[in-house]
């Protein structure tokens, strides 16, 4: 079962690649949350100190969003006529 799935991914099937990218991106968002919106922090009276761990979580959540977007793009490109 896994051999067939790996062969499909290695053959360059854009739909399968898009599914994997979307799944991994969804997992990253589930574990690290959505990145904070800078608009909500504007006008705050107290400046929030950003720790290295917070920076890591923000980067991983942004990566998750990018993977989901890339997955959608791959699946959309897979719809092109052969």
PDB file of N, CA and C in Angstrom:
ATOM      1  N   UNK A   1       0.816  -1.184   0.000  1.00  0.00           N
ATOM      2  CA  UNK A   1       0.000   0.000   0.000  1.00  0.00           C
ATOM      3  C   UNK A   1       0.866   1.257   0.000  1.00  0.00           C
ATOM      4  N   UNK A   2       1.861   1.294   0.910  1.00  0.00           N
ATOM      5  CA  UNK A   2       2.726   2.462   0.972  1.00  0.00           C
ATOM      6  C   UNK A   2       3.618   2.558  -0.260  1.00  0.00           C
ATOM      7  N   UNK A   3       3.993   1.400  -0.829  1.00  0.00           N
ATOM      8  CA  UNK A   3       4.819   1.431  -2.031  1.00  0.00           C
ATOM      9  C   UNK A   3       4.080   2.094  -3.181  1.00  0.00           C
ATOM     10  N   UNK A   4       2.799   1.804  -3.321  1.00  0.00           N
ATOM     11  CA  UNK A   4       2.013   2.411  -4.394  1.00  0.00           C
ATOM     12  C   UNK A   4       1.872   3.916  -4.172  1.00  0.00           C
ATOM     13  N   UNK A   5       1.688   4.325  -2.933  1.00  0.00           N
ATOM     14  CA  UNK A   5       1.559   5.745  -2.632  1.00  0.00           C
ATOM     15  C   UNK A   5       2.866   6.485  -2.911  1.00  0.00           C
ATOM     16  N   UNK A   6       3.975   5.881  -2.539  1.00  0.00           N
ATOM     17  CA  UNK A   6       5.275   6.504  -2.789  1.00  0.00           C
ATOM     18  C   UNK A   6       5.559   6.572  -4.279  1.00  0.00           C
ATOM     19  N   UNK A   7       5.224   5.532  -5.014  1.00  0.00           N
ATOM     20  CA  UNK A   7       5.416   5.530  -6.466  1.00  0.00           C
ATOM     21  C   UNK A   7       4.572   6.632  -7.116  1.00  0.00           C
ATOM     22  N   UNK A   8       3.357   6.832  -6.645  1.00  0.00           N
ATOM     23  CA  UNK A   8       2.493   7.885  -7.179  1.00  0.00           C
ATOM     24  C   UNK A   8       3.106   9.254  -6.935  1.00  0.00           C
ATOM     25  N   UNK A   9       3.650   9.468  -5.737  1.00  0.00           N
ATOM     26  CA  UNK A   9       4.277  10.757  -5.437  1.00  0.00           C
ATOM     27  C   UNK A   9       5.527  10.973  -6.280  1.00  0.00           C
ATOM     28  N   UNK A  10       6.337   9.923  -6.418  1.00  0.00           N
ATOM     29  CA  UNK A  10       7.571  10.058  -7.174  1.00  0.00           C
ATOM     30  C   UNK A  10       7.329  10.204  -8.670  1.00  0.00           C
ATOM     31  N   UNK A  11       6.181   9.757  -9.155  1.00  0.00           N
ATOM     32  CA  UNK A  11       5.881   9.891 -10.580  1.00  0.00           C
ATOM     33  C   UNK A  11       5.500  11.322 -10.942  1.00  0.00           C
ATOM     34  N   UNK A  12       5.313  12.180  -9.943  1.00  0.00           N
ATOM     35  CA  UNK A  12       5.006  13.581 -10.201  1.00  0.00           C
ATOM     36  C   UNK A  12       3.525  13.855 -10.351  1.00  0.00           C
ATOM     37  N   UNK A  13       2.676  13.020  -9.800  1.00  0.00           N
ATOM     38  CA  UNK A  13       1.231  13.254  -9.848  1.00  0.00           C
ATOM     39  C   UNK A  13       0.908  14.475  -8.987  1.00  0.00           C
ATOM     40  N   UNK A  14       0.525  15.571  -9.635  1.00  0.00           N
ATOM     41  CA  UNK A  14       0.311  16.826  -8.917  1.00  0.00           C
ATOM     42  C   UNK A  14      -0.826  16.746  -7.909  1.00  0.00           C
ATOM     43  N   UNK A  15      -1.836  15.951  -8.198  1.00  0.00           N
ATOM     44  CA  UNK A  15      -2.950  15.828  -7.256  1.00  0.00           C
ATOM     45  C   UNK A  15      -2.480  15.174  -5.957  1.00  0.00           C
ATOM     46  N   UNK A  16      -1.694  14.113  -6.070  1.00  0.00           N
ATOM     47  CA  UNK A  16      -1.198  13.428  -4.874  1.00  0.00           C
ATOM     48  C   UNK A  16      -0.224  14.320  -4.109  1.00  0.00           C
ATOM     49  N   UNK A  17       0.629  15.038  -4.831  1.00  0.00           N
ATOM     50  CA  UNK A  17       1.569  15.952  -4.172  1.00  0.00           C
ATOM     51  C   UNK A  17       0.802  17.054  -3.444  1.00  0.00           C
ATOM     52  N   UNK A  18      -0.248  17.581  -4.075  1.00  0.00           N
ATOM     53  CA  UNK A  18      -1.063  18.607  -3.440  1.00  0.00           C
ATOM     54  C   UNK A  18      -1.735  18.104  -2.177  1.00  0.00           C
ATOM     55  N   UNK A  19      -2.209  16.866  -2.210  1.00  0.00           N
ATOM     56  CA  UNK A  19      -2.837  16.294  -1.014  1.00  0.00           C
ATOM     57  C   UNK A  19      -1.844  16.174   0.135  1.00  0.00           C
ATOM     58  N   UNK A  20      -0.630  15.731  -0.178  1.00  0.00           N
ATOM     59  CA  UNK A  20       0.383  15.578   0.868  1.00  0.00           C
ATOM     60  C   UNK A  20       0.780  16.941   1.431  1.00  0.00           C
ATOM     61  N   UNK A  21       0.979  17.928   0.550  1.00  0.00           N
ATOM     62  CA  UNK A  21       1.332  19.266   1.025  1.00  0.00           C
ATOM     63  C   UNK A  21       0.231  19.850   1.910  1.00  0.00           C
ATOM     64  N   UNK A  22      -1.012  19.700   1.501  1.00  0.00           N
ATOM     65  CA  UNK A  22      -2.122  20.200   2.300  1.00  0.00           C
ATOM     66  C   UNK A  22      -2.232  19.504   3.642  1.00  0.00           C
ATOM     67  N   UNK A  23      -1.986  18.198   3.664  1.00  0.00           N
ATOM     68  CA  UNK A  23      -2.056  17.438   4.909  1.00  0.00           C
ATOM     69  C   UNK A  23      -0.964  17.879   5.882  1.00  0.00           C
ATOM     70  N   UNK A  24       0.261  17.991   5.384  1.00  0.00           N
ATOM     71  CA  UNK A  24       1.370  18.404   6.247  1.00  0.00           C
ATOM     72  C   UNK A  24       1.149  19.839   6.734  1.00  0.00           C
ATOM     73  N   UNK A  25       0.674  20.716   5.847  1.00  0.00           N
ATOM     74  CA  UNK A  25       0.371  22.086   6.257  1.00  0.00           C
ATOM     75  C   UNK A  25      -0.715  22.130   7.311  1.00  0.00           C
ATOM     76  N   UNK A  26      -1.737  21.311   7.163  1.00  0.00           N
ATOM     77  CA  UNK A  26      -2.801  21.247   8.162  1.00  0.00           C
ATOM     78  C   UNK A  26      -2.294  20.762   9.518  1.00  0.00           C
ATOM     79  N   UNK A  27      -1.395  19.798   9.495  1.00  0.00           N
ATOM     80  CA  UNK A  27      -0.807  19.323  10.757  1.00  0.00           C
ATOM     81  C   UNK A  27       0.003  20.420  11.438  1.00  0.00           C
ATOM     82  N   UNK A  28       0.788  21.157  10.639  1.00  0.00           N
ATOM     83  CA  UNK A  28       1.568  22.243  11.229  1.00  0.00           C
ATOM     84  C   UNK A  28       0.656  23.297  11.854  1.00  0.00           C
ATOM     85  N   UNK A  29      -0.428  23.634  11.166  1.00  0.00           N
ATOM     86  CA  UNK A  29      -1.352  24.621  11.728  1.00  0.00           C
ATOM     87  C   UNK A  29      -2.055  24.098  12.969  1.00  0.00           C
ATOM     88  N   UNK A  30      -2.346  22.797  12.979  1.00  0.00           N
ATOM     89  CA  UNK A  30      -3.007  22.217  14.150  1.00  0.00           C
ATOM     90  C   UNK A  30      -2.099  22.309  15.379  1.00  0.00           C
ATOM     91  N   UNK A  31      -0.819  22.004  15.213  1.00  0.00           N
ATOM     92  CA  UNK A  31       0.081  21.965  16.364  1.00  0.00           C
ATOM     93  C   UNK A  31       0.630  23.338  16.742  1.00  0.00           C
ATOM     94  N   UNK A  32       0.799  24.247  15.770  1.00  0.00           N
ATOM     95  CA  UNK A  32       1.443  25.520  16.074  1.00  0.00           C
ATOM     96  C   UNK A  32       0.512  26.717  15.953  1.00  0.00           C
ATOM     97  N   UNK A  33      -0.722  26.520  15.534  1.00  0.00           N
ATOM     98  CA  UNK A  33      -1.703  27.593  15.475  1.00  0.00           C
ATOM     99  C   UNK A  33      -1.486  28.531  14.306  1.00  0.00           C
ATOM    100  N   UNK A  34      -2.452  29.406  14.107  1.00  0.00           N
ATOM    101  CA  UNK A  34      -2.338  30.403  13.053  1.00  0.00           C
ATOM    102  C   UNK A  34      -1.371  31.495  13.485  1.00  0.00           C
ATOM    103  N   UNK A  35      -0.625  32.059  12.528  1.00  0.00           N
ATOM    104  CA  UNK A  35       0.286  33.146  12.907  1.00  0.00           C
ATOM    105  C   UNK A  35      -0.498  34.376  13.344  1.00  0.00           C
ATOM    106  N   UNK A  36       0.055  35.152  14.269  1.00  0.00           N
ATOM    107  CA  UNK A  36      -0.651  36.337  14.749  1.00  0.00           C
ATOM    108  C   UNK A  36      -0.748  37.402  13.656  1.00  0.00           C
ATOM    109  N   UNK A  37      -1.813  38.151  13.698  1.00  0.00           N
ATOM    110  CA  UNK A  37      -2.006  39.239  12.746  1.00  0.00           C
ATOM    111  C   UNK A  37      -1.371  40.493  13.324  1.00  0.00           C
ATOM    112  N   UNK A  38      -0.530  41.141  12.544  1.00  0.00           N
ATOM    113  CA  UNK A  38       0.136  42.349  13.007  1.00  0.00           C
ATOM    114  C   UNK A  38      -0.819  43.485  13.274  1.00  0.00           C
ATOM    115  N   UNK A  39      -1.968  43.472  12.620  1.00  0.00           N
ATOM    116  CA  UNK A  39      -2.946  44.548  12.799  1.00  0.00           C
ATOM    117  C   UNK A  39      -3.479  44.549  14.226  1.00  0.00           C
ATOM    118  N   UNK A  40      -3.642  43.397  14.814  1.00  0.00           N
ATOM    119  CA  UNK A  40      -4.185  43.329  16.169  1.00  0.00           C
ATOM    120  C   UNK A  40      -3.210  43.865  17.207  1.00  0.00           C
ATOM    121  N   UNK A  41      -1.918  43.842  16.898  1.00  0.00           N
ATOM    122  CA  UNK A  41      -0.914  44.298  17.856  1.00  0.00           C
ATOM    123  C   UNK A  41      -0.638  45.794  17.745  1.00  0.00           C
ATOM    124  N   UNK A  42      -1.149  46.451  16.707  1.00  0.00           N
ATOM    125  CA  UNK A  42      -0.903  47.883  16.554  1.00  0.00           C
ATOM    126  C   UNK A  42      -1.716  48.660  17.579  1.00  0.00           C
ATOM    127  N   UNK A  43      -1.106  49.659  18.146  1.00  0.00           N
ATOM    128  CA  UNK A  43      -1.805  50.490  19.118  1.00  0.00           C
ATOM    129  C   UNK A  43      -1.844  49.889  20.510  1.00  0.00           C
ATOM    130  N   UNK A  44      -1.113  48.797  20.724  1.00  0.00           N
ATOM    131  CA  UNK A  44      -1.092  48.190  22.046  1.00  0.00           C
ATOM    132  C   UNK A  44      -0.278  49.072  22.997  1.00  0.00           C
ATOM    133  N   UNK A  45      -0.692  49.131  24.228  1.00  0.00           N
ATOM    134  CA  UNK A  45      -0.002  49.951  25.210  1.00  0.00           C
ATOM    135  C   UNK A  45       1.269  49.282  25.723  1.00  0.00           C
ATOM    136  N   UNK A  46       1.268  47.986  25.714  1.00  0.00           N
ATOM    137  CA  UNK A  46       2.416  47.242  26.224  1.00  0.00           C
ATOM    138  C   UNK A  46       3.042  46.488  25.060  1.00  0.00           C
ATOM    139  N   UNK A  47       4.353  46.648  24.899  1.00  0.00           N
ATOM    140  CA  UNK A  47       5.047  45.937  23.841  1.00  0.00           C
ATOM    141  C   UNK A  47       5.285  44.496  24.284  1.00  0.00           C
ATOM    142  N   UNK A  48       5.010  43.564  23.397  1.00  0.00           N
ATOM    143  CA  UNK A  48       5.163  42.148  23.710  1.00  0.00           C
ATOM    144  C   UNK A  48       6.559  41.706  23.288  1.00  0.00           C
ATOM    145  N   UNK A  49       7.271  41.089  24.218  1.00  0.00           N
ATOM    146  CA  UNK A  49       8.606  40.590  23.916  1.00  0.00           C
ATOM    147  C   UNK A  49       8.467  39.262  23.172  1.00  0.00           C
ATOM    148  N   UNK A  50       9.165  39.173  22.060  1.00  0.00           N
ATOM    149  CA  UNK A  50       9.095  37.958  21.248  1.00  0.00           C
ATOM    150  C   UNK A  50      10.266  37.056  21.614  1.00  0.00           C
ATOM    151  N   UNK A  51       9.956  35.869  22.104  1.00  0.00           N
ATOM    152  CA  UNK A  51      10.985  34.912  22.485  1.00  0.00           C
ATOM    153  C   UNK A  51      11.368  34.061  21.281  1.00  0.00           C
ATOM    154  N   UNK A  52      12.515  33.384  21.325  1.00  0.00           N
ATOM    155  CA  UNK A  52      12.895  32.499  20.224  1.00  0.00           C
ATOM    156  C   UNK A  52      11.870  31.387  19.962  1.00  0.00           C
ATOM    157  N   UNK A  53      11.240  30.909  21.019  1.00  0.00           N
ATOM    158  CA  UNK A  53      10.217  29.870  20.841  1.00  0.00           C
ATOM    159  C   UNK A  53       9.001  30.429  20.098  1.00  0.00           C
ATOM    160  N   UNK A  54       8.610  31.674  20.424  1.00  0.00           N
ATOM    161  CA  UNK A  54       7.493  32.304  19.720  1.00  0.00           C
ATOM    162  C   UNK A  54       7.828  32.489  18.245  1.00  0.00           C
ATOM    163  N   UNK A  55       9.061  32.883  17.949  1.00  0.00           N
ATOM    164  CA  UNK A  55       9.491  33.055  16.562  1.00  0.00           C
ATOM    165  C   UNK A  55       9.427  31.729  15.809  1.00  0.00           C
ATOM    166  N   UNK A  56       9.835  30.643  16.474  1.00  0.00           N
ATOM    167  CA  UNK A  56       9.778  29.322  15.844  1.00  0.00           C
ATOM    168  C   UNK A  56       8.336  28.936  15.537  1.00  0.00           C
ATOM    169  N   UNK A  57       7.434  29.145  16.481  1.00  0.00           N
ATOM    170  CA  UNK A  57       6.029  28.814  16.269  1.00  0.00           C
ATOM    171  C   UNK A  57       5.432  29.654  15.133  1.00  0.00           C
ATOM    172  N   UNK A  58       5.784  30.927  15.074  1.00  0.00           N
ATOM    173  CA  UNK A  58       5.276  31.784  14.007  1.00  0.00           C
ATOM    174  C   UNK A  58       5.779  31.303  12.659  1.00  0.00           C
ATOM    175  N   UNK A  59       7.069  30.968  12.579  1.00  0.00           N
ATOM    176  CA  UNK A  59       7.631  30.497  11.305  1.00  0.00           C
ATOM    177  C   UNK A  59       6.998  29.172  10.873  1.00  0.00           C
ATOM    178  N   UNK A  60       6.799  28.254  11.809  1.00  0.00           N
ATOM    179  CA  UNK A  60       6.200  26.963  11.456  1.00  0.00           C
ATOM    180  C   UNK A  60       4.740  27.122  11.047  1.00  0.00           C
ATOM    181  N   UNK A  61       4.034  28.038  11.682  1.00  0.00           N
ATOM    182  CA  UNK A  61       2.641  28.255  11.286  1.00  0.00           C
ATOM    183  C   UNK A  61       2.569  28.915   9.914  1.00  0.00           C
ATOM    184  N   UNK A  62       3.500  29.815   9.613  1.00  0.00           N
ATOM    185  CA  UNK A  62       3.548  30.417   8.279  1.00  0.00           C
ATOM    186  C   UNK A  62       3.907  29.371   7.230  1.00  0.00           C
ATOM    187  N   UNK A  63       4.815  28.452   7.578  1.00  0.00           N
ATOM    188  CA  UNK A  63       5.152  27.359   6.673  1.00  0.00           C
ATOM    189  C   UNK A  63       3.934  26.484   6.411  1.00  0.00           C
ATOM    190  N   UNK A  64       3.140  26.224   7.451  1.00  0.00           N
ATOM    191  CA  UNK A  64       1.920  25.443   7.283  1.00  0.00           C
ATOM    192  C   UNK A  64       0.955  26.096   6.311  1.00  0.00           C
ATOM    193  N   UNK A  65       0.777  27.412   6.440  1.00  0.00           N
ATOM    194  CA  UNK A  65      -0.096  28.125   5.504  1.00  0.00           C
ATOM    195  C   UNK A  65       0.450  28.072   4.082  1.00  0.00           C
ATOM    196  N   UNK A  66       1.761  28.203   3.935  1.00  0.00           N
ATOM    197  CA  UNK A  66       2.372  28.140   2.605  1.00  0.00           C
ATOM    198  C   UNK A  66       2.211  26.753   1.990  1.00  0.00           C
ATOM    199  N   UNK A  67       2.335  25.710   2.806  1.00  0.00           N
ATOM    200  CA  UNK A  67       2.162  24.343   2.295  1.00  0.00           C
ATOM    201  C   UNK A  67       0.728  24.101   1.845  1.00  0.00           C
ATOM    202  N   UNK A  68      -0.231  24.598   2.591  1.00  0.00           N
ATOM    203  CA  UNK A  68      -1.626  24.445   2.193  1.00  0.00           C
ATOM    204  C   UNK A  68      -1.884  25.180   0.884  1.00  0.00           C
ATOM    205  N   UNK A  69      -1.355  26.395   0.764  1.00  0.00           N
ATOM    206  CA  UNK A  69      -1.521  27.147  -0.487  1.00  0.00           C
ATOM    207  C   UNK A  69      -0.847  26.426  -1.646  1.00  0.00           C
ATOM    208  N   UNK A  70       0.337  25.895  -1.412  1.00  0.00           N
ATOM    209  CA  UNK A  70       1.026  25.134  -2.461  1.00  0.00           C
ATOM    210  C   UNK A  70       0.272  23.868  -2.838  1.00  0.00           C
ATOM    211  N   UNK A  71      -0.337  23.233  -1.856  1.00  0.00           N
ATOM    212  CA  UNK A  71      -1.138  22.041  -2.130  1.00  0.00           C
ATOM    213  C   UNK A  71      -2.339  22.352  -2.999  1.00  0.00           C
ATOM    214  N   UNK A  72      -3.013  23.471  -2.700  1.00  0.00           N
ATOM    215  CA  UNK A  72      -4.142  23.883  -3.541  1.00  0.00           C
ATOM    216  C   UNK A  72      -3.685  24.190  -4.960  1.00  0.00           C
ATOM    217  N   UNK A  73      -2.534  24.845  -5.069  1.00  0.00           N
ATOM    218  CA  UNK A  73      -2.014  25.182  -6.400  1.00  0.00           C
ATOM    219  C   UNK A  73      -1.692  23.909  -7.194  1.00  0.00           C
ATOM    220  N   UNK A  74      -1.080  22.929  -6.550  1.00  0.00           N
ATOM    221  CA  UNK A  74      -0.764  21.668  -7.227  1.00  0.00           C
ATOM    222  C   UNK A  74      -2.046  20.960  -7.675  1.00  0.00           C
ATOM    223  N   UNK A  75      -3.047  20.925  -6.814  1.00  0.00           N
ATOM    224  CA  UNK A  75      -4.291  20.267  -7.185  1.00  0.00           C
ATOM    225  C   UNK A  75      -4.992  21.011  -8.293  1.00  0.00           C
ATOM    226  N   UNK A  76      -4.905  22.338  -8.303  1.00  0.00           N
ATOM    227  CA  UNK A  76      -5.521  23.118  -9.380  1.00  0.00           C
ATOM    228  C   UNK A  76      -4.802  22.844 -10.699  1.00  0.00           C
ATOM    229  N   UNK A  77      -3.482  22.769 -10.660  1.00  0.00           N
ATOM    230  CA  UNK A  77      -2.726  22.479 -11.883  1.00  0.00           C
ATOM    231  C   UNK A  77      -2.981  21.059 -12.383  1.00  0.00           C
ATOM    232  N   UNK A  78      -3.331  20.159 -11.472  1.00  0.00           N
ATOM    233  CA  UNK A  78      -3.625  18.774 -11.868  1.00  0.00           C
ATOM    234  C   UNK A  78      -4.916  18.682 -12.685  1.00  0.00           C
ATOM    235  N   UNK A  79      -5.747  19.715 -12.650  1.00  0.00           N
ATOM    236  CA  UNK A  79      -7.016  19.702 -13.385  1.00  0.00           C
ATOM    237  C   UNK A  79      -6.847  20.026 -14.866  1.00  0.00           C
ATOM    238  N   UNK A  80      -5.664  20.479 -15.257  1.00  0.00           N
ATOM    239  CA  UNK A  80      -5.482  20.869 -16.664  1.00  0.00           C
ATOM    240  C   UNK A  80      -5.726  19.663 -17.584  1.00  0.00           C
ATOM    241  N   UNK A  81      -6.270  19.934 -18.764  1.00  0.00           N
ATOM    242  CA  UNK A  81      -6.545  18.833 -19.692  1.00  0.00           C
ATOM    243  C   UNK A  81      -5.259  18.182 -20.181  1.00  0.00           C
ATOM    244  N   UNK A  82      -5.289  16.880 -20.328  1.00  0.00           N
ATOM    245  CA  UNK A  82      -4.089  16.135 -20.745  1.00  0.00           C
ATOM    246  C   UNK A  82      -3.811  16.243 -22.210  1.00  0.00           C
TER     247      UNK A  82
END
